[in-house]
Amino acid sequence: LVESGGGLVQAGDSLRLSCAASGRAFSGYAMGWFRQAPGKEREFVA
């Protein structure tokens, strides 16, 4: 999995993150996004 699309933005702005996956059969899989800030636990996003 390779993420891209992050950056520095102002409050109220928008970003689109991408996650490119290897060429497996992904039926029966779930794909998720998580985030982690310094000093905080990793949390589920979507």
PDB file of all heavy atoms in Angstrom:
ATOM      1  N   LEU A   1       0.846  -1.185   0.000  1.00  0.00           N
ATOM      2  CA  LEU A   1       0.000   0.000   0.000  1.00  0.00           C
ATOM      3  C   LEU A   1       0.882   1.235   0.000  1.00  0.00           C
ATOM      4  O   LEU A   1       1.821   1.330   0.790  1.00  0.00           O
ATOM      5  CB  LEU A   1      -0.914   0.018   1.225  1.00  0.00           C
ATOM      6  CG  LEU A   1      -1.815  -1.202   1.432  1.00  0.00           C
ATOM      7  CD1 LEU A   1      -2.501  -1.129   2.793  1.00  0.00           C
ATOM      8  CD2 LEU A   1      -2.849  -1.291   0.319  1.00  0.00           C
ATOM      9  N   VAL A   2       0.571   2.193  -0.864  1.00  0.00           N
ATOM     10  CA  VAL A   2       1.344   3.423  -0.976  1.00  0.00           C
ATOM     11  C   VAL A   2       0.391   4.604  -0.938  1.00  0.00           C
ATOM     12  O   VAL A   2      -0.442   4.767  -1.833  1.00  0.00           O
ATOM     13  CB  VAL A   2       2.178   3.459  -2.263  1.00  0.00           C
ATOM     14  CG1 VAL A   2       2.967   4.764  -2.342  1.00  0.00           C
ATOM     15  CG2 VAL A   2       3.120   2.270  -2.325  1.00  0.00           C
ATOM     16  N   GLU A   3       0.523   5.453   0.098  1.00  0.00           N
ATOM     17  CA  GLU A   3      -0.318   6.636   0.236  1.00  0.00           C
ATOM     18  C   GLU A   3       0.321   7.839  -0.449  1.00  0.00           C
ATOM     19  O   GLU A   3       1.546   7.928  -0.551  1.00  0.00           O
ATOM     20  CB  GLU A   3      -0.553   6.986   1.711  1.00  0.00           C
ATOM     21  CG  GLU A   3      -1.194   5.894   2.539  1.00  0.00           C
ATOM     22  CD  GLU A   3      -0.183   5.123   3.352  1.00  0.00           C
ATOM     23  OE1 GLU A   3       0.984   5.000   2.899  1.00  0.00           O
ATOM     24  OE2 GLU A   3      -0.546   4.643   4.439  1.00  0.00           O
ATOM     25  N   SER A   4      -0.517   8.773  -0.857  1.00  0.00           N
ATOM     26  CA  SER A   4      -0.057  10.038  -1.398  1.00  0.00           C
ATOM     27  C   SER A   4      -1.156  11.077  -1.227  1.00  0.00           C
ATOM     28  O   SER A   4      -2.301  10.731  -0.949  1.00  0.00           O
ATOM     29  CB  SER A   4       0.330   9.913  -2.873  1.00  0.00           C
ATOM     30  OG  SER A   4      -0.781   9.527  -3.665  1.00  0.00           O
ATOM     31  N   GLY A   5      -0.805  12.345  -1.379  1.00  0.00           N
ATOM     32  CA  GLY A   5      -1.782  13.414  -1.362  1.00  0.00           C
ATOM     33  C   GLY A   5      -1.759  14.302  -0.143  1.00  0.00           C
ATOM     34  O   GLY A   5      -2.504  15.289  -0.095  1.00  0.00           O
ATOM     35  N   GLY A   6      -0.941  13.989   0.847  1.00  0.00           N
ATOM     36  CA  GLY A   6      -0.869  14.823   2.033  1.00  0.00           C
ATOM     37  C   GLY A   6      -0.193  16.148   1.746  1.00  0.00           C
ATOM     38  O   GLY A   6       0.405  16.358   0.695  1.00  0.00           O
ATOM     39  N   GLY A   7      -0.285  17.064   2.714  1.00  0.00           N
ATOM     40  CA  GLY A   7       0.328  18.364   2.556  1.00  0.00           C
ATOM     41  C   GLY A   7      -0.074  19.311   3.660  1.00  0.00           C
ATOM     42  O   GLY A   7      -0.715  18.923   4.640  1.00  0.00           O
ATOM     43  N   LEU A   8       0.319  20.571   3.501  1.00  0.00           N
ATOM     44  CA  LEU A   8       0.019  21.638   4.448  1.00  0.00           C
ATOM     45  C   LEU A   8      -1.086  22.504   3.868  1.00  0.00           C
ATOM     46  O   LEU A   8      -0.935  23.057   2.767  1.00  0.00           O
ATOM     47  CB  LEU A   8       1.267  22.473   4.722  1.00  0.00           C
ATOM     48  CG  LEU A   8       1.093  23.721   5.578  1.00  0.00           C
ATOM     49  CD1 LEU A   8       0.611  23.354   6.974  1.00  0.00           C
ATOM     50  CD2 LEU A   8       2.398  24.497   5.636  1.00  0.00           C
ATOM     51  N   VAL A   9      -2.187  22.622   4.594  1.00  0.00           N
ATOM     52  CA  VAL A   9      -3.333  23.405   4.143  1.00  0.00           C
ATOM     53  C   VAL A   9      -3.854  24.249   5.289  1.00  0.00           C
ATOM     54  O   VAL A   9      -3.481  24.065   6.448  1.00  0.00           O
ATOM     55  CB  VAL A   9      -4.464  22.510   3.596  1.00  0.00           C
ATOM     56  CG1 VAL A   9      -3.993  21.728   2.377  1.00  0.00           C
ATOM     57  CG2 VAL A   9      -4.979  21.573   4.680  1.00  0.00           C
ATOM     58  N   GLN A  10      -4.734  25.180   4.959  1.00  0.00           N
ATOM     59  CA  GLN A  10      -5.387  26.011   5.962  1.00  0.00           C
ATOM     60  C   GLN A  10      -6.710  25.407   6.387  1.00  0.00           C
ATOM     61  O   GLN A  10      -7.316  24.631   5.653  1.00  0.00           O
ATOM     62  CB  GLN A  10      -5.621  27.419   5.426  1.00  0.00           C
ATOM     63  CG  GLN A  10      -4.364  28.213   5.156  1.00  0.00           C
ATOM     64  CD  GLN A  10      -4.660  29.629   4.688  1.00  0.00           C
ATOM     65  OE1 GLN A  10      -5.752  29.915   4.201  1.00  0.00           O
ATOM     66  NE2 GLN A  10      -3.692  30.509   4.831  1.00  0.00           N
ATOM     67  N   ALA A  11      -7.148  25.759   7.576  1.00  0.00           N
ATOM     68  CA  ALA A  11      -8.451  25.299   8.048  1.00  0.00           C
ATOM     69  C   ALA A  11      -9.533  25.670   7.050  1.00  0.00           C
ATOM     70  O   ALA A  11      -9.552  26.783   6.518  1.00  0.00           O
ATOM     71  CB  ALA A  11      -8.753  25.900   9.417  1.00  0.00           C
ATOM     72  N   GLY A  12     -10.423  24.725   6.787  1.00  0.00           N
ATOM     73  CA  GLY A  12     -11.482  24.909   5.824  1.00  0.00           C
ATOM     74  C   GLY A  12     -11.160  24.403   4.440  1.00  0.00           C
ATOM     75  O   GLY A  12     -12.069  24.267   3.614  1.00  0.00           O
ATOM     76  N   ASP A  13      -9.891  24.116   4.175  1.00  0.00           N
ATOM     77  CA  ASP A  13      -9.476  23.608   2.867  1.00  0.00           C
ATOM     78  C   ASP A  13      -9.803  22.129   2.724  1.00  0.00           C
ATOM     79  O   ASP A  13     -10.262  21.477   3.666  1.00  0.00           O
ATOM     80  CB  ASP A  13      -7.985  23.830   2.660  1.00  0.00           C
ATOM     81  CG  ASP A  13      -7.638  25.269   2.349  1.00  0.00           C
ATOM     82  OD1 ASP A  13      -8.558  26.082   2.137  1.00  0.00           O
ATOM     83  OD2 ASP A  13      -6.427  25.585   2.321  1.00  0.00           O
ATOM     84  N   SER A  14      -9.532  21.595   1.534  1.00  0.00           N
ATOM     85  CA  SER A  14      -9.779  20.197   1.228  1.00  0.00           C
ATOM     86  C   SER A  14      -8.518  19.518   0.725  1.00  0.00           C
ATOM     87  O   SER A  14      -7.639  20.156   0.150  1.00  0.00           O
ATOM     88  CB  SER A  14     -10.875  20.061   0.159  1.00  0.00           C
ATOM     89  OG  SER A  14     -12.112  20.569   0.608  1.00  0.00           O
ATOM     90  N   LEU A  15      -8.434  18.218   0.945  1.00  0.00           N
ATOM     91  CA  LEU A  15      -7.379  17.376   0.415  1.00  0.00           C
ATOM     92  C   LEU A  15      -7.985  16.038   0.016  1.00  0.00           C
ATOM     93  O   LEU A  15      -8.961  15.599   0.610  1.00  0.00           O
ATOM     94  CB  LEU A  15      -6.277  17.115   1.443  1.00  0.00           C
ATOM     95  CG  LEU A  15      -5.204  18.175   1.675  1.00  0.00           C
ATOM     96  CD1 LEU A  15      -4.322  17.736   2.843  1.00  0.00           C
ATOM     97  CD2 LEU A  15      -4.375  18.393   0.430  1.00  0.00           C
ATOM     98  N   ARG A  16      -7.379  15.384  -0.969  1.00  0.00           N
ATOM     99  CA  ARG A  16      -7.752  14.026  -1.317  1.00  0.00           C
ATOM    100  C   ARG A  16      -6.535  13.134  -1.207  1.00  0.00           C
ATOM    101  O   ARG A  16      -5.548  13.320  -1.926  1.00  0.00           O
ATOM    102  CB  ARG A  16      -8.343  13.923  -2.720  1.00  0.00           C
ATOM    103  CG  ARG A  16      -8.927  12.531  -2.996  1.00  0.00           C
ATOM    104  CD  ARG A  16      -9.537  12.402  -4.373  1.00  0.00           C
ATOM    105  NE  ARG A  16      -8.525  12.323  -5.412  1.00  0.00           N
ATOM    106  CZ  ARG A  16      -8.770  11.938  -6.661  1.00  0.00           C
ATOM    107  NH1 ARG A  16     -10.006  11.607  -7.025  1.00  0.00           N
ATOM    108  NH2 ARG A  16      -7.787  11.915  -7.547  1.00  0.00           N
ATOM    109  N   LEU A  17      -6.608  12.164  -0.312  1.00  0.00           N
ATOM    110  CA  LEU A  17      -5.554  11.181  -0.153  1.00  0.00           C
ATOM    111  C   LEU A  17      -5.827   9.980  -1.039  1.00  0.00           C
ATOM    112  O   LEU A  17      -6.980   9.594  -1.235  1.00  0.00           O
ATOM    113  CB  LEU A  17      -5.447  10.728   1.302  1.00  0.00           C
ATOM    114  CG  LEU A  17      -5.270  11.818   2.356  1.00  0.00           C
ATOM    115  CD1 LEU A  17      -5.109  11.185   3.736  1.00  0.00           C
ATOM    116  CD2 LEU A  17      -4.080  12.712   2.023  1.00  0.00           C
ATOM    117  N   SER A  18      -4.760   9.385  -1.558  1.00  0.00           N
ATOM    118  CA  SER A  18      -4.868   8.195  -2.393  1.00  0.00           C
ATOM    119  C   SER A  18      -4.060   7.066  -1.778  1.00  0.00           C
ATOM    120  O   SER A  18      -3.022   7.297  -1.162  1.00  0.00           O
ATOM    121  CB  SER A  18      -4.355   8.469  -3.809  1.00  0.00           C
ATOM    122  OG  SER A  18      -5.111   9.468  -4.449  1.00  0.00           O
ATOM    123  N   CYS A  19      -4.528   5.852  -1.956  1.00  0.00           N
ATOM    124  CA  CYS A  19      -3.834   4.655  -1.497  1.00  0.00           C
ATOM    125  C   CYS A  19      -3.846   3.647  -2.628  1.00  0.00           C
ATOM    126  O   CYS A  19      -4.895   3.066  -2.935  1.00  0.00           O
ATOM    127  CB  CYS A  19      -4.499   4.089  -0.245  1.00  0.00           C
ATOM    128  SG  CYS A  19      -3.818   2.509   0.308  1.00  0.00           S
ATOM    129  N   ALA A  20      -2.694   3.442  -3.253  1.00  0.00           N
ATOM    130  CA  ALA A  20      -2.562   2.488  -4.343  1.00  0.00           C
ATOM    131  C   ALA A  20      -2.149   1.136  -3.783  1.00  0.00           C
ATOM    132  O   ALA A  20      -1.159   1.031  -3.059  1.00  0.00           O
ATOM    133  CB  ALA A  20      -1.535   2.979  -5.357  1.00  0.00           C
ATOM    134  N   ALA A  21      -2.904   0.090  -4.124  1.00  0.00           N
ATOM    135  CA  ALA A  21      -2.671  -1.255  -3.617  1.00  0.00           C
ATOM    136  C   ALA A  21      -2.093  -2.148  -4.701  1.00  0.00           C
ATOM    137  O   ALA A  21      -2.283  -1.913  -5.891  1.00  0.00           O
ATOM    138  CB  ALA A  21      -3.968  -1.851  -3.076  1.00  0.00           C
ATOM    139  N   SER A  22      -1.383  -3.176  -4.281  1.00  0.00           N
ATOM    140  CA  SER A  22      -0.835  -4.145  -5.209  1.00  0.00           C
ATOM    141  C   SER A  22      -1.956  -4.923  -5.882  1.00  0.00           C
ATOM    142  O   SER A  22      -3.083  -4.969  -5.397  1.00  0.00           O
ATOM    143  CB  SER A  22       0.125  -5.089  -4.494  1.00  0.00           C
ATOM    144  OG  SER A  22      -0.527  -5.783  -3.449  1.00  0.00           O
ATOM    145  N   GLY A  23      -1.627  -5.549  -7.012  1.00  0.00           N
ATOM    146  CA  GLY A  23      -2.635  -6.167  -7.857  1.00  0.00           C
ATOM    147  C   GLY A  23      -3.129  -7.520  -7.391  1.00  0.00           C
ATOM    148  O   GLY A  23      -3.007  -8.498  -8.135  1.00  0.00           O
ATOM    149  N   ARG A  24      -3.667  -7.598  -6.205  1.00  0.00           N
ATOM    150  CA  ARG A  24      -4.304  -8.801  -5.700  1.00  0.00           C
ATOM    151  C   ARG A  24      -5.795  -8.751  -5.974  1.00  0.00           C
ATOM    152  O   ARG A  24      -6.326  -7.734  -6.423  1.00  0.00           O
ATOM    153  CB  ARG A  24      -4.049  -8.957  -4.194  1.00  0.00           C
ATOM    154  CG  ARG A  24      -2.603  -8.912  -3.765  1.00  0.00           C
ATOM    155  CD  ARG A  24      -1.847 -10.133  -4.211  1.00  0.00           C
ATOM    156  NE  ARG A  24      -0.660 -10.378  -3.405  1.00  0.00           N
ATOM    157  CZ  ARG A  24       0.530  -9.817  -3.615  1.00  0.00           C
ATOM    158  NH1 ARG A  24       0.691  -8.961  -4.609  1.00  0.00           N
ATOM    159  NH2 ARG A  24       1.564 -10.112  -2.820  1.00  0.00           N
ATOM    160  N   ALA A  25      -6.469  -9.863  -5.707  1.00  0.00           N
ATOM    161  CA  ALA A  25      -7.920  -9.890  -5.753  1.00  0.00           C
ATOM    162  C   ALA A  25      -8.446  -9.377  -4.422  1.00  0.00           C
ATOM    163  O   ALA A  25      -8.221 -10.000  -3.389  1.00  0.00           O
ATOM    164  CB  ALA A  25      -8.431 -11.301  -6.028  1.00  0.00           C
ATOM    165  N   PHE A  26      -9.145  -8.245  -4.461  1.00  0.00           N
ATOM    166  CA  PHE A  26      -9.555  -7.587  -3.227  1.00  0.00           C
ATOM    167  C   PHE A  26     -10.995  -7.843  -2.832  1.00  0.00           C
ATOM    168  O   PHE A  26     -11.472  -7.250  -1.867  1.00  0.00           O
ATOM    169  CB  PHE A  26      -9.288  -6.085  -3.326  1.00  0.00           C
ATOM    170  CG  PHE A  26      -7.830  -5.756  -3.329  1.00  0.00           C
ATOM    171  CD1 PHE A  26      -7.195  -5.386  -4.495  1.00  0.00           C
ATOM    172  CD2 PHE A  26      -7.098  -5.839  -2.164  1.00  0.00           C
ATOM    173  CE1 PHE A  26      -5.839  -5.106  -4.497  1.00  0.00           C
ATOM    174  CE2 PHE A  26      -5.747  -5.555  -2.156  1.00  0.00           C
ATOM    175  CZ  PHE A  26      -5.116  -5.188  -3.332  1.00  0.00           C
ATOM    176  N   SER A  27     -11.690  -8.683  -3.556  1.00  0.00           N
ATOM    177  CA  SER A  27     -12.994  -9.102  -3.085  1.00  0.00           C
ATOM    178  C   SER A  27     -12.818  -9.826  -1.759  1.00  0.00           C
ATOM    179  O   SER A  27     -11.922 -10.652  -1.590  1.00  0.00           O
ATOM    180  CB  SER A  27     -13.683 -10.006  -4.102  1.00  0.00           C
ATOM    181  OG  SER A  27     -12.926 -11.181  -4.330  1.00  0.00           O
ATOM    182  N   GLY A  28     -13.666  -9.499  -0.791  1.00  0.00           N
ATOM    183  CA  GLY A  28     -13.520 -10.053   0.542  1.00  0.00           C
ATOM    184  C   GLY A  28     -12.583  -9.257   1.434  1.00  0.00           C
ATOM    185  O   GLY A  28     -12.323  -9.673   2.566  1.00  0.00           O
ATOM    186  N   TYR A  29     -12.065  -8.129   0.948  1.00  0.00           N
ATOM    187  CA  TYR A  29     -11.184  -7.255   1.718  1.00  0.00           C
ATOM    188  C   TYR A  29     -11.908  -5.987   2.139  1.00  0.00           C
ATOM    189  O   TYR A  29     -12.870  -5.554   1.503  1.00  0.00           O
ATOM    190  CB  TYR A  29      -9.952  -6.863   0.904  1.00  0.00           C
ATOM    191  CG  TYR A  29      -8.827  -7.864   0.968  1.00  0.00           C
ATOM    192  CD1 TYR A  29      -8.860  -9.020   0.200  1.00  0.00           C
ATOM    193  CD2 TYR A  29      -7.734  -7.641   1.798  1.00  0.00           C
ATOM    194  CE1 TYR A  29      -7.822  -9.940   0.258  1.00  0.00           C
ATOM    195  CE2 TYR A  29      -6.693  -8.551   1.852  1.00  0.00           C
ATOM    196  CZ  TYR A  29      -6.738  -9.697   1.079  1.00  0.00           C
ATOM    197  OH  TYR A  29      -5.704 -10.596   1.133  1.00  0.00           O
ATOM    198  N   ALA A  30     -11.416  -5.412   3.217  1.00  0.00           N
ATOM    199  CA  ALA A  30     -11.805  -4.077   3.635  1.00  0.00           C
ATOM    200  C   ALA A  30     -10.572  -3.195   3.625  1.00  0.00           C
ATOM    201  O   ALA A  30      -9.483  -3.628   4.012  1.00  0.00           O
ATOM    202  CB  ALA A  30     -12.434  -4.097   5.023  1.00  0.00           C
ATOM    203  N   MET A  31     -10.734  -1.968   3.178  1.00  0.00           N
ATOM    204  CA  MET A  31      -9.655  -0.995   3.137  1.00  0.00           C
ATOM    205  C   MET A  31     -10.012   0.145   4.077  1.00  0.00           C
ATOM    206  O   MET A  31     -11.129   0.652   4.038  1.00  0.00           O
ATOM    207  CB  MET A  31      -9.451  -0.456   1.724  1.00  0.00           C
ATOM    208  CG  MET A  31      -9.259  -1.533   0.669  1.00  0.00           C
ATOM    209  SD  MET A  31      -7.679  -2.399   0.834  1.00  0.00           S
ATOM    210  CE  MET A  31      -6.553  -1.117   0.274  1.00  0.00           C
ATOM    211  N   GLY A  32      -9.062   0.534   4.906  1.00  0.00           N
ATOM    212  CA  GLY A  32      -9.331   1.551   5.903  1.00  0.00           C
ATOM    213  C   GLY A  32      -8.304   2.657   5.912  1.00  0.00           C
ATOM    214  O   GLY A  32      -7.189   2.505   5.405  1.00  0.00           O
ATOM    215  N   TRP A  33      -8.700   3.786   6.486  1.00  0.00           N
ATOM    216  CA  TRP A  33      -7.804   4.906   6.749  1.00  0.00           C
ATOM    217  C   TRP A  33      -7.731   5.128   8.257  1.00  0.00           C
ATOM    218  O   TRP A  33      -8.760   5.142   8.941  1.00  0.00           O
ATOM    219  CB  TRP A  33      -8.284   6.189   6.076  1.00  0.00           C
ATOM    220  CG  TRP A  33      -8.073   6.225   4.594  1.00  0.00           C
ATOM    221  CD1 TRP A  33      -8.980   5.929   3.632  1.00  0.00           C
ATOM    222  CD2 TRP A  33      -6.869   6.591   3.918  1.00  0.00           C
ATOM    223  NE1 TRP A  33      -8.428   6.081   2.389  1.00  0.00           N
ATOM    224  CE2 TRP A  33      -7.127   6.484   2.536  1.00  0.00           C
ATOM    225  CE3 TRP A  33      -5.601   6.996   4.337  1.00  0.00           C
ATOM    226  CZ2 TRP A  33      -6.163   6.766   1.572  1.00  0.00           C
ATOM    227  CZ3 TRP A  33      -4.646   7.272   3.381  1.00  0.00           C
ATOM    228  CH2 TRP A  33      -4.924   7.159   2.019  1.00  0.00           C
ATOM    229  N   PHE A  34      -6.511   5.303   8.744  1.00  0.00           N
ATOM    230  CA  PHE A  34      -6.242   5.609  10.140  1.00  0.00           C
ATOM    231  C   PHE A  34      -5.353   6.835  10.205  1.00  0.00           C
ATOM    232  O   PHE A  34      -4.732   7.212   9.215  1.00  0.00           O
ATOM    233  CB  PHE A  34      -5.563   4.429  10.844  1.00  0.00           C
ATOM    234  CG  PHE A  34      -6.407   3.199  10.937  1.00  0.00           C
ATOM    235  CD1 PHE A  34      -6.586   2.363   9.842  1.00  0.00           C
ATOM    236  CD2 PHE A  34      -7.032   2.861  12.132  1.00  0.00           C
ATOM    237  CE1 PHE A  34      -7.363   1.227   9.927  1.00  0.00           C
ATOM    238  CE2 PHE A  34      -7.812   1.721  12.228  1.00  0.00           C
ATOM    239  CZ  PHE A  34      -7.976   0.908  11.127  1.00  0.00           C
ATOM    240  N   ARG A  35      -5.274   7.456  11.366  1.00  0.00           N
ATOM    241  CA  ARG A  35      -4.384   8.600  11.535  1.00  0.00           C
ATOM    242  C   ARG A  35      -3.777   8.589  12.926  1.00  0.00           C
ATOM    243  O   ARG A  35      -4.344   8.054  13.873  1.00  0.00           O
ATOM    244  CB  ARG A  35      -5.120   9.921  11.277  1.00  0.00           C
ATOM    245  CG  ARG A  35      -6.221  10.242  12.277  1.00  0.00           C
ATOM    246  CD  ARG A  35      -6.996  11.474  11.824  1.00  0.00           C
ATOM    247  NE  ARG A  35      -8.013  11.870  12.782  1.00  0.00           N
ATOM    248  CZ  ARG A  35      -8.891  12.839  12.574  1.00  0.00           C
ATOM    249  NH1 ARG A  35      -8.886  13.523  11.432  1.00  0.00           N
ATOM    250  NH2 ARG A  35      -9.783  13.133  13.513  1.00  0.00           N
ATOM    251  N   GLN A  36      -2.604   9.212  13.038  1.00  0.00           N
ATOM    252  CA  GLN A  36      -1.907   9.276  14.307  1.00  0.00           C
ATOM    253  C   GLN A  36      -1.135  10.584  14.407  1.00  0.00           C
ATOM    254  O   GLN A  36      -0.339  10.911  13.531  1.00  0.00           O
ATOM    255  CB  GLN A  36      -0.949   8.097  14.467  1.00  0.00           C
ATOM    256  CG  GLN A  36      -0.301   8.021  15.839  1.00  0.00           C
ATOM    257  CD  GLN A  36       0.453   6.722  16.048  1.00  0.00           C
ATOM    258  OE1 GLN A  36       0.876   6.081  15.085  1.00  0.00           O
ATOM    259  NE2 GLN A  36       0.606   6.324  17.296  1.00  0.00           N
ATOM    260  N   ALA A  37      -1.393  11.320  15.474  1.00  0.00           N
ATOM    261  CA  ALA A  37      -0.658  12.535  15.774  1.00  0.00           C
ATOM    262  C   ALA A  37       0.413  12.222  16.810  1.00  0.00           C
ATOM    263  O   ALA A  37       0.263  11.284  17.600  1.00  0.00           O
ATOM    264  CB  ALA A  37      -1.597  13.618  16.294  1.00  0.00           C
ATOM    265  N   PRO A  38       1.513  12.997  16.855  1.00  0.00           N
ATOM    266  CA  PRO A  38       2.566  12.753  17.837  1.00  0.00           C
ATOM    267  C   PRO A  38       2.019  12.755  19.259  1.00  0.00           C
ATOM    268  O   PRO A  38       1.267  13.656  19.640  1.00  0.00           O
ATOM    269  CB  PRO A  38       3.540  13.907  17.611  1.00  0.00           C
ATOM    270  CG  PRO A  38       3.340  14.288  16.187  1.00  0.00           C
ATOM    271  CD  PRO A  38       1.869  14.101  15.942  1.00  0.00           C
ATOM    272  N   GLY A  39       2.387  11.744  20.029  1.00  0.00           N
ATOM    273  CA  GLY A  39       1.951  11.644  21.405  1.00  0.00           C
ATOM    274  C   GLY A  39       0.547  11.112  21.587  1.00  0.00           C
ATOM    275  O   GLY A  39       0.075  11.026  22.727  1.00  0.00           O
ATOM    276  N   LYS A  40      -0.129  10.765  20.505  1.00  0.00           N
ATOM    277  CA  LYS A  40      -1.492  10.257  20.581  1.00  0.00           C
ATOM    278  C   LYS A  40      -1.577   8.868  19.974  1.00  0.00           C
ATOM    279  O   LYS A  40      -0.727   8.468  19.181  1.00  0.00           O
ATOM    280  CB  LYS A  40      -2.464  11.197  19.874  1.00  0.00           C
ATOM    281  CG  LYS A  40      -2.546  12.586  20.481  1.00  0.00           C
ATOM    282  CD  LYS A  40      -3.572  13.434  19.755  1.00  0.00           C
ATOM    283  CE  LYS A  40      -3.674  14.812  20.369  1.00  0.00           C
ATOM    284  NZ  LYS A  40      -4.681  15.648  19.654  1.00  0.00           N
ATOM    285  N   GLU A  41      -2.605   8.135  20.348  1.00  0.00           N
ATOM    286  CA  GLU A  41      -2.825   6.811  19.798  1.00  0.00           C
ATOM    287  C   GLU A  41      -3.338   6.898  18.367  1.00  0.00           C
ATOM    288  O   GLU A  41      -3.980   7.871  17.972  1.00  0.00           O
ATOM    289  CB  GLU A  41      -3.827   6.028  20.650  1.00  0.00           C
ATOM    290  CG  GLU A  41      -3.341   5.657  22.031  1.00  0.00           C
ATOM    291  CD  GLU A  41      -4.319   4.775  22.769  1.00  0.00           C
ATOM    292  OE1 GLU A  41      -5.483   4.676  22.337  1.00  0.00           O
ATOM    293  OE2 GLU A  41      -3.922   4.172  23.773  1.00  0.00           O
ATOM    294  N   ARG A  42      -3.031   5.868  17.597  1.00  0.00           N
ATOM    295  CA  ARG A  42      -3.589   5.757  16.266  1.00  0.00           C
ATOM    296  C   ARG A  42      -5.099   5.604  16.366  1.00  0.00           C
ATOM    297  O   ARG A  42      -5.601   4.852  17.208  1.00  0.00           O
ATOM    298  CB  ARG A  42      -2.976   4.557  15.546  1.00  0.00           C
ATOM    299  CG  ARG A  42      -3.442   4.375  14.116  1.00  0.00           C
ATOM    300  CD  ARG A  42      -2.775   3.164  13.504  1.00  0.00           C
ATOM    301  NE  ARG A  42      -3.121   1.947  14.208  1.00  0.00           N
ATOM    302  CZ  ARG A  42      -2.504   0.786  14.041  1.00  0.00           C
ATOM    303  NH1 ARG A  42      -1.481   0.694  13.191  1.00  0.00           N
ATOM    304  NH2 ARG A  42      -2.889  -0.275  14.730  1.00  0.00           N
ATOM    305  N   GLU A  43      -5.839   6.312  15.525  1.00  0.00           N
ATOM    306  CA  GLU A  43      -7.286   6.244  15.569  1.00  0.00           C
ATOM    307  C   GLU A  43      -7.867   5.920  14.201  1.00  0.00           C
ATOM    308  O   GLU A  43      -7.328   6.284  13.156  1.00  0.00           O
ATOM    309  CB  GLU A  43      -7.885   7.550  16.100  1.00  0.00           C
ATOM    310  CG  GLU A  43      -7.669   8.759  15.212  1.00  0.00           C
ATOM    311  CD  GLU A  43      -8.414   9.984  15.700  1.00  0.00           C
ATOM    312  OE1 GLU A  43      -9.430   9.835  16.410  1.00  0.00           O
ATOM    313  OE2 GLU A  43      -7.977  11.108  15.366  1.00  0.00           O
ATOM    314  N   PHE A  44      -8.984   5.251  14.233  1.00  0.00           N
ATOM    315  CA  PHE A  44      -9.714   4.889  13.031  1.00  0.00           C
ATOM    316  C   PHE A  44     -10.374   6.114  12.426  1.00  0.00           C
ATOM    317  O   PHE A  44     -10.913   6.959  13.139  1.00  0.00           O
ATOM    318  CB  PHE A  44     -10.770   3.836  13.383  1.00  0.00           C
ATOM    319  CG  PHE A  44     -11.766   3.579  12.293  1.00  0.00           C
ATOM    320  CD1 PHE A  44     -11.458   2.771  11.218  1.00  0.00           C
ATOM    321  CD2 PHE A  44     -13.027   4.149  12.350  1.00  0.00           C
ATOM    322  CE1 PHE A  44     -12.377   2.530  10.218  1.00  0.00           C
ATOM    323  CE2 PHE A  44     -13.959   3.920  11.364  1.00  0.00           C
ATOM    324  CZ  PHE A  44     -13.634   3.109  10.292  1.00  0.00           C
ATOM    325  N   VAL A  45     -10.339   6.213  11.103  1.00  0.00           N
ATOM    326  CA  VAL A  45     -10.955   7.319  10.384  1.00  0.00           C
ATOM    327  C   VAL A  45     -12.139   6.844   9.545  1.00  0.00           C
ATOM    328  O   VAL A  45     -13.249   7.357   9.674  1.00  0.00           O
ATOM    329  CB  VAL A  45      -9.940   8.046   9.486  1.00  0.00           C
ATOM    330  CG1 VAL A  45     -10.624   9.137   8.667  1.00  0.00           C
ATOM    331  CG2 VAL A  45      -8.818   8.641  10.326  1.00  0.00           C
ATOM    332  N   ALA A  46     -11.905   5.862   8.669  1.00  0.00           N
ATOM    333  CA  ALA A  46     -12.950   5.381   7.769  1.00  0.00           C
ATOM    334  C   ALA A  46     -12.529   4.044   7.176  1.00  0.00           C
ATOM    335  O   ALA A  46     -11.345   3.720   7.147  1.00  0.00           O
ATOM    336  CB  ALA A  46     -13.216   6.388   6.643  1.00  0.00           C
TER     337      ALA A  46
END
